[in-house]
Amino acid sequence: VHNNTEKWIEKVTKDKNRVRSYDKK
C-alpha cells in the first residue's frame, strides 16, 4: 500500500538525536 512517512521519520530522527550524552556547557 502507498504511504508517506518521510516528514515523520525526519521528526522522530531529530528527537532521537536531540538527547546528547555529554553536555559540554
PDBML (XML) file of the C-alpha atoms, coordinates in Angstrom:
<?xml version="1.0" encoding="UTF-8" ?>
<PDBx:datablock datablockName="MODEL"
   xmlns:PDBx="http://pdbml.pdb.org/schema/pdbx-v50.xsd"
   xmlns:xsi="http://www.w3.org/2001/XMLSchema-instance"
   xsi:schemaLocation="http://pdbml.pdb.org/schema/pdbx-v50.xsd pdbx-v50.xsd">
   <PDBx:atom_siteCategory>
      <PDBx:atom_site id="1">
         <PDBx:B_iso_or_equiv>0.00</PDBx:B_iso_or_equiv>
         <PDBx:Cartn_x>0.000</PDBx:Cartn_x>
         <PDBx:Cartn_y>0.000</PDBx:Cartn_y>
         <PDBx:Cartn_z>0.000</PDBx:Cartn_z>
         <PDBx:auth_asym_id>A</PDBx:auth_asym_id>
         <PDBx:auth_atom_id>CA</PDBx:auth_atom_id>
         <PDBx:auth_comp_id>VAL</PDBx:auth_comp_id>
         <PDBx:auth_seq_id>1</PDBx:auth_seq_id>
         <PDBx:group_PDB>ATOM</PDBx:group_PDB>
         <PDBx:label_alt_id xsi:nil="true" />
         <PDBx:label_asym_id>A</PDBx:label_asym_id>
         <PDBx:label_atom_id>CA</PDBx:label_atom_id>
         <PDBx:label_comp_id>VAL</PDBx:label_comp_id>
         <PDBx:label_entity_id>1</PDBx:label_entity_id>
         <PDBx:label_seq_id>1</PDBx:label_seq_id>
         <PDBx:occupancy>1.00</PDBx:occupancy>
         <PDBx:pdbx_PDB_model_num>1</PDBx:pdbx_PDB_model_num>
         <PDBx:type_symbol>C</PDBx:type_symbol>
      </PDBx:atom_site>
      <PDBx:atom_site id="2">
         <PDBx:B_iso_or_equiv>0.00</PDBx:B_iso_or_equiv>
         <PDBx:Cartn_x>1.129</PDBx:Cartn_x>
         <PDBx:Cartn_y>3.578</PDBx:Cartn_y>
         <PDBx:Cartn_z>-0.558</PDBx:Cartn_z>
         <PDBx:auth_asym_id>A</PDBx:auth_asym_id>
         <PDBx:auth_atom_id>CA</PDBx:auth_atom_id>
         <PDBx:auth_comp_id>HIS</PDBx:auth_comp_id>
         <PDBx:auth_seq_id>2</PDBx:auth_seq_id>
         <PDBx:group_PDB>ATOM</PDBx:group_PDB>
         <PDBx:label_alt_id xsi:nil="true" />
         <PDBx:label_asym_id>A</PDBx:label_asym_id>
         <PDBx:label_atom_id>CA</PDBx:label_atom_id>
         <PDBx:label_comp_id>HIS</PDBx:label_comp_id>
         <PDBx:label_entity_id>1</PDBx:label_entity_id>
         <PDBx:label_seq_id>2</PDBx:label_seq_id>
         <PDBx:occupancy>1.00</PDBx:occupancy>
         <PDBx:pdbx_PDB_model_num>1</PDBx:pdbx_PDB_model_num>
         <PDBx:type_symbol>C</PDBx:type_symbol>
      </PDBx:atom_site>
      <PDBx:atom_site id="3">
         <PDBx:B_iso_or_equiv>0.00</PDBx:B_iso_or_equiv>
         <PDBx:Cartn_x>2.179</PDBx:Cartn_x>
         <PDBx:Cartn_y>5.556</PDBx:Cartn_y>
         <PDBx:Cartn_z>2.489</PDBx:Cartn_z>
         <PDBx:auth_asym_id>A</PDBx:auth_asym_id>
         <PDBx:auth_atom_id>CA</PDBx:auth_atom_id>
         <PDBx:auth_comp_id>ASN</PDBx:auth_comp_id>
         <PDBx:auth_seq_id>3</PDBx:auth_seq_id>
         <PDBx:group_PDB>ATOM</PDBx:group_PDB>
         <PDBx:label_alt_id xsi:nil="true" />
         <PDBx:label_asym_id>A</PDBx:label_asym_id>
         <PDBx:label_atom_id>CA</PDBx:label_atom_id>
         <PDBx:label_comp_id>ASN</PDBx:label_comp_id>
         <PDBx:label_entity_id>1</PDBx:label_entity_id>
         <PDBx:label_seq_id>3</PDBx:label_seq_id>
         <PDBx:occupancy>1.00</PDBx:occupancy>
         <PDBx:pdbx_PDB_model_num>1</PDBx:pdbx_PDB_model_num>
         <PDBx:type_symbol>C</PDBx:type_symbol>
      </PDBx:atom_site>
      <PDBx:atom_site id="4">
         <PDBx:B_iso_or_equiv>0.00</PDBx:B_iso_or_equiv>
         <PDBx:Cartn_x>4.424</PDBx:Cartn_x>
         <PDBx:Cartn_y>8.548</PDBx:Cartn_y>
         <PDBx:Cartn_z>3.046</PDBx:Cartn_z>
         <PDBx:auth_asym_id>A</PDBx:auth_asym_id>
         <PDBx:auth_atom_id>CA</PDBx:auth_atom_id>
         <PDBx:auth_comp_id>ASN</PDBx:auth_comp_id>
         <PDBx:auth_seq_id>4</PDBx:auth_seq_id>
         <PDBx:group_PDB>ATOM</PDBx:group_PDB>
         <PDBx:label_alt_id xsi:nil="true" />
         <PDBx:label_asym_id>A</PDBx:label_asym_id>
         <PDBx:label_atom_id>CA</PDBx:label_atom_id>
         <PDBx:label_comp_id>ASN</PDBx:label_comp_id>
         <PDBx:label_entity_id>1</PDBx:label_entity_id>
         <PDBx:label_seq_id>4</PDBx:label_seq_id>
         <PDBx:occupancy>1.00</PDBx:occupancy>
         <PDBx:pdbx_PDB_model_num>1</PDBx:pdbx_PDB_model_num>
         <PDBx:type_symbol>C</PDBx:type_symbol>
      </PDBx:atom_site>
      <PDBx:atom_site id="5">
         <PDBx:B_iso_or_equiv>0.00</PDBx:B_iso_or_equiv>
         <PDBx:Cartn_x>6.262</PDBx:Cartn_x>
         <PDBx:Cartn_y>8.873</PDBx:Cartn_y>
         <PDBx:Cartn_z>6.349</PDBx:Cartn_z>
         <PDBx:auth_asym_id>A</PDBx:auth_asym_id>
         <PDBx:auth_atom_id>CA</PDBx:auth_atom_id>
         <PDBx:auth_comp_id>THR</PDBx:auth_comp_id>
         <PDBx:auth_seq_id>5</PDBx:auth_seq_id>
         <PDBx:group_PDB>ATOM</PDBx:group_PDB>
         <PDBx:label_alt_id xsi:nil="true" />
         <PDBx:label_asym_id>A</PDBx:label_asym_id>
         <PDBx:label_atom_id>CA</PDBx:label_atom_id>
         <PDBx:label_comp_id>THR</PDBx:label_comp_id>
         <PDBx:label_entity_id>1</PDBx:label_entity_id>
         <PDBx:label_seq_id>5</PDBx:label_seq_id>
         <PDBx:occupancy>1.00</PDBx:occupancy>
         <PDBx:pdbx_PDB_model_num>1</PDBx:pdbx_PDB_model_num>
         <PDBx:type_symbol>C</PDBx:type_symbol>
      </PDBx:atom_site>
      <PDBx:atom_site id="6">
         <PDBx:B_iso_or_equiv>0.00</PDBx:B_iso_or_equiv>
         <PDBx:Cartn_x>9.190</PDBx:Cartn_x>
         <PDBx:Cartn_y>10.999</PDBx:Cartn_y>
         <PDBx:Cartn_z>5.177</PDBx:Cartn_z>
         <PDBx:auth_asym_id>A</PDBx:auth_asym_id>
         <PDBx:auth_atom_id>CA</PDBx:auth_atom_id>
         <PDBx:auth_comp_id>GLU</PDBx:auth_comp_id>
         <PDBx:auth_seq_id>6</PDBx:auth_seq_id>
         <PDBx:group_PDB>ATOM</PDBx:group_PDB>
         <PDBx:label_alt_id xsi:nil="true" />
         <PDBx:label_asym_id>A</PDBx:label_asym_id>
         <PDBx:label_atom_id>CA</PDBx:label_atom_id>
         <PDBx:label_comp_id>GLU</PDBx:label_comp_id>
         <PDBx:label_entity_id>1</PDBx:label_entity_id>
         <PDBx:label_seq_id>6</PDBx:label_seq_id>
         <PDBx:occupancy>1.00</PDBx:occupancy>
         <PDBx:pdbx_PDB_model_num>1</PDBx:pdbx_PDB_model_num>
         <PDBx:type_symbol>C</PDBx:type_symbol>
      </PDBx:atom_site>
      <PDBx:atom_site id="7">
         <PDBx:B_iso_or_equiv>0.00</PDBx:B_iso_or_equiv>
         <PDBx:Cartn_x>8.372</PDBx:Cartn_x>
         <PDBx:Cartn_y>14.046</PDBx:Cartn_y>
         <PDBx:Cartn_z>7.355</PDBx:Cartn_z>
         <PDBx:auth_asym_id>A</PDBx:auth_asym_id>
         <PDBx:auth_atom_id>CA</PDBx:auth_atom_id>
         <PDBx:auth_comp_id>LYS</PDBx:auth_comp_id>
         <PDBx:auth_seq_id>7</PDBx:auth_seq_id>
         <PDBx:group_PDB>ATOM</PDBx:group_PDB>
         <PDBx:label_alt_id xsi:nil="true" />
         <PDBx:label_asym_id>A</PDBx:label_asym_id>
         <PDBx:label_atom_id>CA</PDBx:label_atom_id>
         <PDBx:label_comp_id>LYS</PDBx:label_comp_id>
         <PDBx:label_entity_id>1</PDBx:label_entity_id>
         <PDBx:label_seq_id>7</PDBx:label_seq_id>
         <PDBx:occupancy>1.00</PDBx:occupancy>
         <PDBx:pdbx_PDB_model_num>1</PDBx:pdbx_PDB_model_num>
         <PDBx:type_symbol>C</PDBx:type_symbol>
      </PDBx:atom_site>
      <PDBx:atom_site id="8">
         <PDBx:B_iso_or_equiv>0.00</PDBx:B_iso_or_equiv>
         <PDBx:Cartn_x>7.549</PDBx:Cartn_x>
         <PDBx:Cartn_y>11.779</PDBx:Cartn_y>
         <PDBx:Cartn_z>10.310</PDBx:Cartn_z>
         <PDBx:auth_asym_id>A</PDBx:auth_asym_id>
         <PDBx:auth_atom_id>CA</PDBx:auth_atom_id>
         <PDBx:auth_comp_id>TRP</PDBx:auth_comp_id>
         <PDBx:auth_seq_id>8</PDBx:auth_seq_id>
         <PDBx:group_PDB>ATOM</PDBx:group_PDB>
         <PDBx:label_alt_id xsi:nil="true" />
         <PDBx:label_asym_id>A</PDBx:label_asym_id>
         <PDBx:label_atom_id>CA</PDBx:label_atom_id>
         <PDBx:label_comp_id>TRP</PDBx:label_comp_id>
         <PDBx:label_entity_id>1</PDBx:label_entity_id>
         <PDBx:label_seq_id>8</PDBx:label_seq_id>
         <PDBx:occupancy>1.00</PDBx:occupancy>
         <PDBx:pdbx_PDB_model_num>1</PDBx:pdbx_PDB_model_num>
         <PDBx:type_symbol>C</PDBx:type_symbol>
      </PDBx:atom_site>
      <PDBx:atom_site id="9">
         <PDBx:B_iso_or_equiv>0.00</PDBx:B_iso_or_equiv>
         <PDBx:Cartn_x>10.882</PDBx:Cartn_x>
         <PDBx:Cartn_y>9.982</PDBx:Cartn_y>
         <PDBx:Cartn_z>10.024</PDBx:Cartn_z>
         <PDBx:auth_asym_id>A</PDBx:auth_asym_id>
         <PDBx:auth_atom_id>CA</PDBx:auth_atom_id>
         <PDBx:auth_comp_id>ILE</PDBx:auth_comp_id>
         <PDBx:auth_seq_id>9</PDBx:auth_seq_id>
         <PDBx:group_PDB>ATOM</PDBx:group_PDB>
         <PDBx:label_alt_id xsi:nil="true" />
         <PDBx:label_asym_id>A</PDBx:label_asym_id>
         <PDBx:label_atom_id>CA</PDBx:label_atom_id>
         <PDBx:label_comp_id>ILE</PDBx:label_comp_id>
         <PDBx:label_entity_id>1</PDBx:label_entity_id>
         <PDBx:label_seq_id>9</PDBx:label_seq_id>
         <PDBx:occupancy>1.00</PDBx:occupancy>
         <PDBx:pdbx_PDB_model_num>1</PDBx:pdbx_PDB_model_num>
         <PDBx:type_symbol>C</PDBx:type_symbol>
      </PDBx:atom_site>
      <PDBx:atom_site id="10">
         <PDBx:B_iso_or_equiv>0.00</PDBx:B_iso_or_equiv>
         <PDBx:Cartn_x>12.699</PDBx:Cartn_x>
         <PDBx:Cartn_y>13.311</PDBx:Cartn_y>
         <PDBx:Cartn_z>9.899</PDBx:Cartn_z>
         <PDBx:auth_asym_id>A</PDBx:auth_asym_id>
         <PDBx:auth_atom_id>CA</PDBx:auth_atom_id>
         <PDBx:auth_comp_id>GLU</PDBx:auth_comp_id>
         <PDBx:auth_seq_id>10</PDBx:auth_seq_id>
         <PDBx:group_PDB>ATOM</PDBx:group_PDB>
         <PDBx:label_alt_id xsi:nil="true" />
         <PDBx:label_asym_id>A</PDBx:label_asym_id>
         <PDBx:label_atom_id>CA</PDBx:label_atom_id>
         <PDBx:label_comp_id>GLU</PDBx:label_comp_id>
         <PDBx:label_entity_id>1</PDBx:label_entity_id>
         <PDBx:label_seq_id>10</PDBx:label_seq_id>
         <PDBx:occupancy>1.00</PDBx:occupancy>
         <PDBx:pdbx_PDB_model_num>1</PDBx:pdbx_PDB_model_num>
         <PDBx:type_symbol>C</PDBx:type_symbol>
      </PDBx:atom_site>
      <PDBx:atom_site id="11">
         <PDBx:B_iso_or_equiv>0.00</PDBx:B_iso_or_equiv>
         <PDBx:Cartn_x>10.890</PDBx:Cartn_x>
         <PDBx:Cartn_y>14.431</PDBx:Cartn_y>
         <PDBx:Cartn_z>13.037</PDBx:Cartn_z>
         <PDBx:auth_asym_id>A</PDBx:auth_asym_id>
         <PDBx:auth_atom_id>CA</PDBx:auth_atom_id>
         <PDBx:auth_comp_id>LYS</PDBx:auth_comp_id>
         <PDBx:auth_seq_id>11</PDBx:auth_seq_id>
         <PDBx:group_PDB>ATOM</PDBx:group_PDB>
         <PDBx:label_alt_id xsi:nil="true" />
         <PDBx:label_asym_id>A</PDBx:label_asym_id>
         <PDBx:label_atom_id>CA</PDBx:label_atom_id>
         <PDBx:label_comp_id>LYS</PDBx:label_comp_id>
         <PDBx:label_entity_id>1</PDBx:label_entity_id>
         <PDBx:label_seq_id>11</PDBx:label_seq_id>
         <PDBx:occupancy>1.00</PDBx:occupancy>
         <PDBx:pdbx_PDB_model_num>1</PDBx:pdbx_PDB_model_num>
         <PDBx:type_symbol>C</PDBx:type_symbol>
      </PDBx:atom_site>
      <PDBx:atom_site id="12">
         <PDBx:B_iso_or_equiv>0.00</PDBx:B_iso_or_equiv>
         <PDBx:Cartn_x>11.495</PDBx:Cartn_x>
         <PDBx:Cartn_y>11.265</PDBx:Cartn_y>
         <PDBx:Cartn_z>15.116</PDBx:Cartn_z>
         <PDBx:auth_asym_id>A</PDBx:auth_asym_id>
         <PDBx:auth_atom_id>CA</PDBx:auth_atom_id>
         <PDBx:auth_comp_id>VAL</PDBx:auth_comp_id>
         <PDBx:auth_seq_id>12</PDBx:auth_seq_id>
         <PDBx:group_PDB>ATOM</PDBx:group_PDB>
         <PDBx:label_alt_id xsi:nil="true" />
         <PDBx:label_asym_id>A</PDBx:label_asym_id>
         <PDBx:label_atom_id>CA</PDBx:label_atom_id>
         <PDBx:label_comp_id>VAL</PDBx:label_comp_id>
         <PDBx:label_entity_id>1</PDBx:label_entity_id>
         <PDBx:label_seq_id>12</PDBx:label_seq_id>
         <PDBx:occupancy>1.00</PDBx:occupancy>
         <PDBx:pdbx_PDB_model_num>1</PDBx:pdbx_PDB_model_num>
         <PDBx:type_symbol>C</PDBx:type_symbol>
      </PDBx:atom_site>
      <PDBx:atom_site id="13">
         <PDBx:B_iso_or_equiv>0.00</PDBx:B_iso_or_equiv>
         <PDBx:Cartn_x>15.130</PDBx:Cartn_x>
         <PDBx:Cartn_y>11.124</PDBx:Cartn_y>
         <PDBx:Cartn_z>13.971</PDBx:Cartn_z>
         <PDBx:auth_asym_id>A</PDBx:auth_asym_id>
         <PDBx:auth_atom_id>CA</PDBx:auth_atom_id>
         <PDBx:auth_comp_id>THR</PDBx:auth_comp_id>
         <PDBx:auth_seq_id>13</PDBx:auth_seq_id>
         <PDBx:group_PDB>ATOM</PDBx:group_PDB>
         <PDBx:label_alt_id xsi:nil="true" />
         <PDBx:label_asym_id>A</PDBx:label_asym_id>
         <PDBx:label_atom_id>CA</PDBx:label_atom_id>
         <PDBx:label_comp_id>THR</PDBx:label_comp_id>
         <PDBx:label_entity_id>1</PDBx:label_entity_id>
         <PDBx:label_seq_id>13</PDBx:label_seq_id>
         <PDBx:occupancy>1.00</PDBx:occupancy>
         <PDBx:pdbx_PDB_model_num>1</PDBx:pdbx_PDB_model_num>
         <PDBx:type_symbol>C</PDBx:type_symbol>
      </PDBx:atom_site>
      <PDBx:atom_site id="14">
         <PDBx:B_iso_or_equiv>0.00</PDBx:B_iso_or_equiv>
         <PDBx:Cartn_x>15.593</PDBx:Cartn_x>
         <PDBx:Cartn_y>14.691</PDBx:Cartn_y>
         <PDBx:Cartn_z>15.178</PDBx:Cartn_z>
         <PDBx:auth_asym_id>A</PDBx:auth_asym_id>
         <PDBx:auth_atom_id>CA</PDBx:auth_atom_id>
         <PDBx:auth_comp_id>LYS</PDBx:auth_comp_id>
         <PDBx:auth_seq_id>14</PDBx:auth_seq_id>
         <PDBx:group_PDB>ATOM</PDBx:group_PDB>
         <PDBx:label_alt_id xsi:nil="true" />
         <PDBx:label_asym_id>A</PDBx:label_asym_id>
         <PDBx:label_atom_id>CA</PDBx:label_atom_id>
         <PDBx:label_comp_id>LYS</PDBx:label_comp_id>
         <PDBx:label_entity_id>1</PDBx:label_entity_id>
         <PDBx:label_seq_id>14</PDBx:label_seq_id>
         <PDBx:occupancy>1.00</PDBx:occupancy>
         <PDBx:pdbx_PDB_model_num>1</PDBx:pdbx_PDB_model_num>
         <PDBx:type_symbol>C</PDBx:type_symbol>
      </PDBx:atom_site>
      <PDBx:atom_site id="15">
         <PDBx:B_iso_or_equiv>0.00</PDBx:B_iso_or_equiv>
         <PDBx:Cartn_x>14.092</PDBx:Cartn_x>
         <PDBx:Cartn_y>13.681</PDBx:Cartn_y>
         <PDBx:Cartn_z>18.542</PDBx:Cartn_z>
         <PDBx:auth_asym_id>A</PDBx:auth_asym_id>
         <PDBx:auth_atom_id>CA</PDBx:auth_atom_id>
         <PDBx:auth_comp_id>ASP</PDBx:auth_comp_id>
         <PDBx:auth_seq_id>15</PDBx:auth_seq_id>
         <PDBx:group_PDB>ATOM</PDBx:group_PDB>
         <PDBx:label_alt_id xsi:nil="true" />
         <PDBx:label_asym_id>A</PDBx:label_asym_id>
         <PDBx:label_atom_id>CA</PDBx:label_atom_id>
         <PDBx:label_comp_id>ASP</PDBx:label_comp_id>
         <PDBx:label_entity_id>1</PDBx:label_entity_id>
         <PDBx:label_seq_id>15</PDBx:label_seq_id>
         <PDBx:occupancy>1.00</PDBx:occupancy>
         <PDBx:pdbx_PDB_model_num>1</PDBx:pdbx_PDB_model_num>
         <PDBx:type_symbol>C</PDBx:type_symbol>
      </PDBx:atom_site>
      <PDBx:atom_site id="16">
         <PDBx:B_iso_or_equiv>0.00</PDBx:B_iso_or_equiv>
         <PDBx:Cartn_x>16.403</PDBx:Cartn_x>
         <PDBx:Cartn_y>10.676</PDBx:Cartn_y>
         <PDBx:Cartn_z>18.632</PDBx:Cartn_z>
         <PDBx:auth_asym_id>A</PDBx:auth_asym_id>
         <PDBx:auth_atom_id>CA</PDBx:auth_atom_id>
         <PDBx:auth_comp_id>LYS</PDBx:auth_comp_id>
         <PDBx:auth_seq_id>16</PDBx:auth_seq_id>
         <PDBx:group_PDB>ATOM</PDBx:group_PDB>
         <PDBx:label_alt_id xsi:nil="true" />
         <PDBx:label_asym_id>A</PDBx:label_asym_id>
         <PDBx:label_atom_id>CA</PDBx:label_atom_id>
         <PDBx:label_comp_id>LYS</PDBx:label_comp_id>
         <PDBx:label_entity_id>1</PDBx:label_entity_id>
         <PDBx:label_seq_id>16</PDBx:label_seq_id>
         <PDBx:occupancy>1.00</PDBx:occupancy>
         <PDBx:pdbx_PDB_model_num>1</PDBx:pdbx_PDB_model_num>
         <PDBx:type_symbol>C</PDBx:type_symbol>
      </PDBx:atom_site>
      <PDBx:atom_site id="17">
         <PDBx:B_iso_or_equiv>0.00</PDBx:B_iso_or_equiv>
         <PDBx:Cartn_x>19.477</PDBx:Cartn_x>
         <PDBx:Cartn_y>12.868</PDBx:Cartn_y>
         <PDBx:Cartn_z>18.096</PDBx:Cartn_z>
         <PDBx:auth_asym_id>A</PDBx:auth_asym_id>
         <PDBx:auth_atom_id>CA</PDBx:auth_atom_id>
         <PDBx:auth_comp_id>ASN</PDBx:auth_comp_id>
         <PDBx:auth_seq_id>17</PDBx:auth_seq_id>
         <PDBx:group_PDB>ATOM</PDBx:group_PDB>
         <PDBx:label_alt_id xsi:nil="true" />
         <PDBx:label_asym_id>A</PDBx:label_asym_id>
         <PDBx:label_atom_id>CA</PDBx:label_atom_id>
         <PDBx:label_comp_id>ASN</PDBx:label_comp_id>
         <PDBx:label_entity_id>1</PDBx:label_entity_id>
         <PDBx:label_seq_id>17</PDBx:label_seq_id>
         <PDBx:occupancy>1.00</PDBx:occupancy>
         <PDBx:pdbx_PDB_model_num>1</PDBx:pdbx_PDB_model_num>
         <PDBx:type_symbol>C</PDBx:type_symbol>
      </PDBx:atom_site>
      <PDBx:atom_site id="18">
         <PDBx:B_iso_or_equiv>0.00</PDBx:B_iso_or_equiv>
         <PDBx:Cartn_x>18.262</PDBx:Cartn_x>
         <PDBx:Cartn_y>15.562</PDBx:Cartn_y>
         <PDBx:Cartn_z>20.461</PDBx:Cartn_z>
         <PDBx:auth_asym_id>A</PDBx:auth_asym_id>
         <PDBx:auth_atom_id>CA</PDBx:auth_atom_id>
         <PDBx:auth_comp_id>ARG</PDBx:auth_comp_id>
         <PDBx:auth_seq_id>18</PDBx:auth_seq_id>
         <PDBx:group_PDB>ATOM</PDBx:group_PDB>
         <PDBx:label_alt_id xsi:nil="true" />
         <PDBx:label_asym_id>A</PDBx:label_asym_id>
         <PDBx:label_atom_id>CA</PDBx:label_atom_id>
         <PDBx:label_comp_id>ARG</PDBx:label_comp_id>
         <PDBx:label_entity_id>1</PDBx:label_entity_id>
         <PDBx:label_seq_id>18</PDBx:label_seq_id>
         <PDBx:occupancy>1.00</PDBx:occupancy>
         <PDBx:pdbx_PDB_model_num>1</PDBx:pdbx_PDB_model_num>
         <PDBx:type_symbol>C</PDBx:type_symbol>
      </PDBx:atom_site>
      <PDBx:atom_site id="19">
         <PDBx:B_iso_or_equiv>0.00</PDBx:B_iso_or_equiv>
         <PDBx:Cartn_x>19.435</PDBx:Cartn_x>
         <PDBx:Cartn_y>13.869</PDBx:Cartn_y>
         <PDBx:Cartn_z>23.643</PDBx:Cartn_z>
         <PDBx:auth_asym_id>A</PDBx:auth_asym_id>
         <PDBx:auth_atom_id>CA</PDBx:auth_atom_id>
         <PDBx:auth_comp_id>VAL</PDBx:auth_comp_id>
         <PDBx:auth_seq_id>19</PDBx:auth_seq_id>
         <PDBx:group_PDB>ATOM</PDBx:group_PDB>
         <PDBx:label_alt_id xsi:nil="true" />
         <PDBx:label_asym_id>A</PDBx:label_asym_id>
         <PDBx:label_atom_id>CA</PDBx:label_atom_id>
         <PDBx:label_comp_id>VAL</PDBx:label_comp_id>
         <PDBx:label_entity_id>1</PDBx:label_entity_id>
         <PDBx:label_seq_id>19</PDBx:label_seq_id>
         <PDBx:occupancy>1.00</PDBx:occupancy>
         <PDBx:pdbx_PDB_model_num>1</PDBx:pdbx_PDB_model_num>
         <PDBx:type_symbol>C</PDBx:type_symbol>
      </PDBx:atom_site>
      <PDBx:atom_site id="20">
         <PDBx:B_iso_or_equiv>0.00</PDBx:B_iso_or_equiv>
         <PDBx:Cartn_x>23.177</PDBx:Cartn_x>
         <PDBx:Cartn_y>14.319</PDBx:Cartn_y>
         <PDBx:Cartn_z>23.882</PDBx:Cartn_z>
         <PDBx:auth_asym_id>A</PDBx:auth_asym_id>
         <PDBx:auth_atom_id>CA</PDBx:auth_atom_id>
         <PDBx:auth_comp_id>ARG</PDBx:auth_comp_id>
         <PDBx:auth_seq_id>20</PDBx:auth_seq_id>
         <PDBx:group_PDB>ATOM</PDBx:group_PDB>
         <PDBx:label_alt_id xsi:nil="true" />
         <PDBx:label_asym_id>A</PDBx:label_asym_id>
         <PDBx:label_atom_id>CA</PDBx:label_atom_id>
         <PDBx:label_comp_id>ARG</PDBx:label_comp_id>
         <PDBx:label_entity_id>1</PDBx:label_entity_id>
         <PDBx:label_seq_id>20</PDBx:label_seq_id>
         <PDBx:occupancy>1.00</PDBx:occupancy>
         <PDBx:pdbx_PDB_model_num>1</PDBx:pdbx_PDB_model_num>
         <PDBx:type_symbol>C</PDBx:type_symbol>
      </PDBx:atom_site>
      <PDBx:atom_site id="21">
         <PDBx:B_iso_or_equiv>0.00</PDBx:B_iso_or_equiv>
         <PDBx:Cartn_x>25.244</PDBx:Cartn_x>
         <PDBx:Cartn_y>12.043</PDBx:Cartn_y>
         <PDBx:Cartn_z>26.054</PDBx:Cartn_z>
         <PDBx:auth_asym_id>A</PDBx:auth_asym_id>
         <PDBx:auth_atom_id>CA</PDBx:auth_atom_id>
         <PDBx:auth_comp_id>SER</PDBx:auth_comp_id>
         <PDBx:auth_seq_id>21</PDBx:auth_seq_id>
         <PDBx:group_PDB>ATOM</PDBx:group_PDB>
         <PDBx:label_alt_id xsi:nil="true" />
         <PDBx:label_asym_id>A</PDBx:label_asym_id>
         <PDBx:label_atom_id>CA</PDBx:label_atom_id>
         <PDBx:label_comp_id>SER</PDBx:label_comp_id>
         <PDBx:label_entity_id>1</PDBx:label_entity_id>
         <PDBx:label_seq_id>21</PDBx:label_seq_id>
         <PDBx:occupancy>1.00</PDBx:occupancy>
         <PDBx:pdbx_PDB_model_num>1</PDBx:pdbx_PDB_model_num>
         <PDBx:type_symbol>C</PDBx:type_symbol>
      </PDBx:atom_site>
      <PDBx:atom_site id="22">
         <PDBx:B_iso_or_equiv>0.00</PDBx:B_iso_or_equiv>
         <PDBx:Cartn_x>27.637</PDBx:Cartn_x>
         <PDBx:Cartn_y>14.775</PDBx:Cartn_y>
         <PDBx:Cartn_z>27.143</PDBx:Cartn_z>
         <PDBx:auth_asym_id>A</PDBx:auth_asym_id>
         <PDBx:auth_atom_id>CA</PDBx:auth_atom_id>
         <PDBx:auth_comp_id>TYR</PDBx:auth_comp_id>
         <PDBx:auth_seq_id>22</PDBx:auth_seq_id>
         <PDBx:group_PDB>ATOM</PDBx:group_PDB>
         <PDBx:label_alt_id xsi:nil="true" />
         <PDBx:label_asym_id>A</PDBx:label_asym_id>
         <PDBx:label_atom_id>CA</PDBx:label_atom_id>
         <PDBx:label_comp_id>TYR</PDBx:label_comp_id>
         <PDBx:label_entity_id>1</PDBx:label_entity_id>
         <PDBx:label_seq_id>22</PDBx:label_seq_id>
         <PDBx:occupancy>1.00</PDBx:occupancy>
         <PDBx:pdbx_PDB_model_num>1</PDBx:pdbx_PDB_model_num>
         <PDBx:type_symbol>C</PDBx:type_symbol>
      </PDBx:atom_site>
      <PDBx:atom_site id="23">
         <PDBx:B_iso_or_equiv>0.00</PDBx:B_iso_or_equiv>
         <PDBx:Cartn_x>26.671</PDBx:Cartn_x>
         <PDBx:Cartn_y>18.367</PDBx:Cartn_y>
         <PDBx:Cartn_z>27.807</PDBx:Cartn_z>
         <PDBx:auth_asym_id>A</PDBx:auth_asym_id>
         <PDBx:auth_atom_id>CA</PDBx:auth_atom_id>
         <PDBx:auth_comp_id>ASP</PDBx:auth_comp_id>
         <PDBx:auth_seq_id>23</PDBx:auth_seq_id>
         <PDBx:group_PDB>ATOM</PDBx:group_PDB>
         <PDBx:label_alt_id xsi:nil="true" />
         <PDBx:label_asym_id>A</PDBx:label_asym_id>
         <PDBx:label_atom_id>CA</PDBx:label_atom_id>
         <PDBx:label_comp_id>ASP</PDBx:label_comp_id>
         <PDBx:label_entity_id>1</PDBx:label_entity_id>
         <PDBx:label_seq_id>23</PDBx:label_seq_id>
         <PDBx:occupancy>1.00</PDBx:occupancy>
         <PDBx:pdbx_PDB_model_num>1</PDBx:pdbx_PDB_model_num>
         <PDBx:type_symbol>C</PDBx:type_symbol>
      </PDBx:atom_site>
      <PDBx:atom_site id="24">
         <PDBx:B_iso_or_equiv>0.00</PDBx:B_iso_or_equiv>
         <PDBx:Cartn_x>29.892</PDBx:Cartn_x>
         <PDBx:Cartn_y>20.369</PDBx:Cartn_y>
         <PDBx:Cartn_z>27.344</PDBx:Cartn_z>
         <PDBx:auth_asym_id>A</PDBx:auth_asym_id>
         <PDBx:auth_atom_id>CA</PDBx:auth_atom_id>
         <PDBx:auth_comp_id>LYS</PDBx:auth_comp_id>
         <PDBx:auth_seq_id>24</PDBx:auth_seq_id>
         <PDBx:group_PDB>ATOM</PDBx:group_PDB>
         <PDBx:label_alt_id xsi:nil="true" />
         <PDBx:label_asym_id>A</PDBx:label_asym_id>
         <PDBx:label_atom_id>CA</PDBx:label_atom_id>
         <PDBx:label_comp_id>LYS</PDBx:label_comp_id>
         <PDBx:label_entity_id>1</PDBx:label_entity_id>
         <PDBx:label_seq_id>24</PDBx:label_seq_id>
         <PDBx:occupancy>1.00</PDBx:occupancy>
         <PDBx:pdbx_PDB_model_num>1</PDBx:pdbx_PDB_model_num>
         <PDBx:type_symbol>C</PDBx:type_symbol>
      </PDBx:atom_site>
      <PDBx:atom_site id="25">
         <PDBx:B_iso_or_equiv>0.00</PDBx:B_iso_or_equiv>
         <PDBx:Cartn_x>28.343</PDBx:Cartn_x>
         <PDBx:Cartn_y>23.517</PDBx:Cartn_y>
         <PDBx:Cartn_z>28.743</PDBx:Cartn_z>
         <PDBx:auth_asym_id>A</PDBx:auth_asym_id>
         <PDBx:auth_atom_id>CA</PDBx:auth_atom_id>
         <PDBx:auth_comp_id>LYS</PDBx:auth_comp_id>
         <PDBx:auth_seq_id>25</PDBx:auth_seq_id>
         <PDBx:group_PDB>ATOM</PDBx:group_PDB>
         <PDBx:label_alt_id xsi:nil="true" />
         <PDBx:label_asym_id>A</PDBx:label_asym_id>
         <PDBx:label_atom_id>CA</PDBx:label_atom_id>
         <PDBx:label_comp_id>LYS</PDBx:label_comp_id>
         <PDBx:label_entity_id>1</PDBx:label_entity_id>
         <PDBx:label_seq_id>25</PDBx:label_seq_id>
         <PDBx:occupancy>1.00</PDBx:occupancy>
         <PDBx:pdbx_PDB_model_num>1</PDBx:pdbx_PDB_model_num>
         <PDBx:type_symbol>C</PDBx:type_symbol>
      </PDBx:atom_site>
   </PDBx:atom_siteCategory>
</PDBx:datablock>
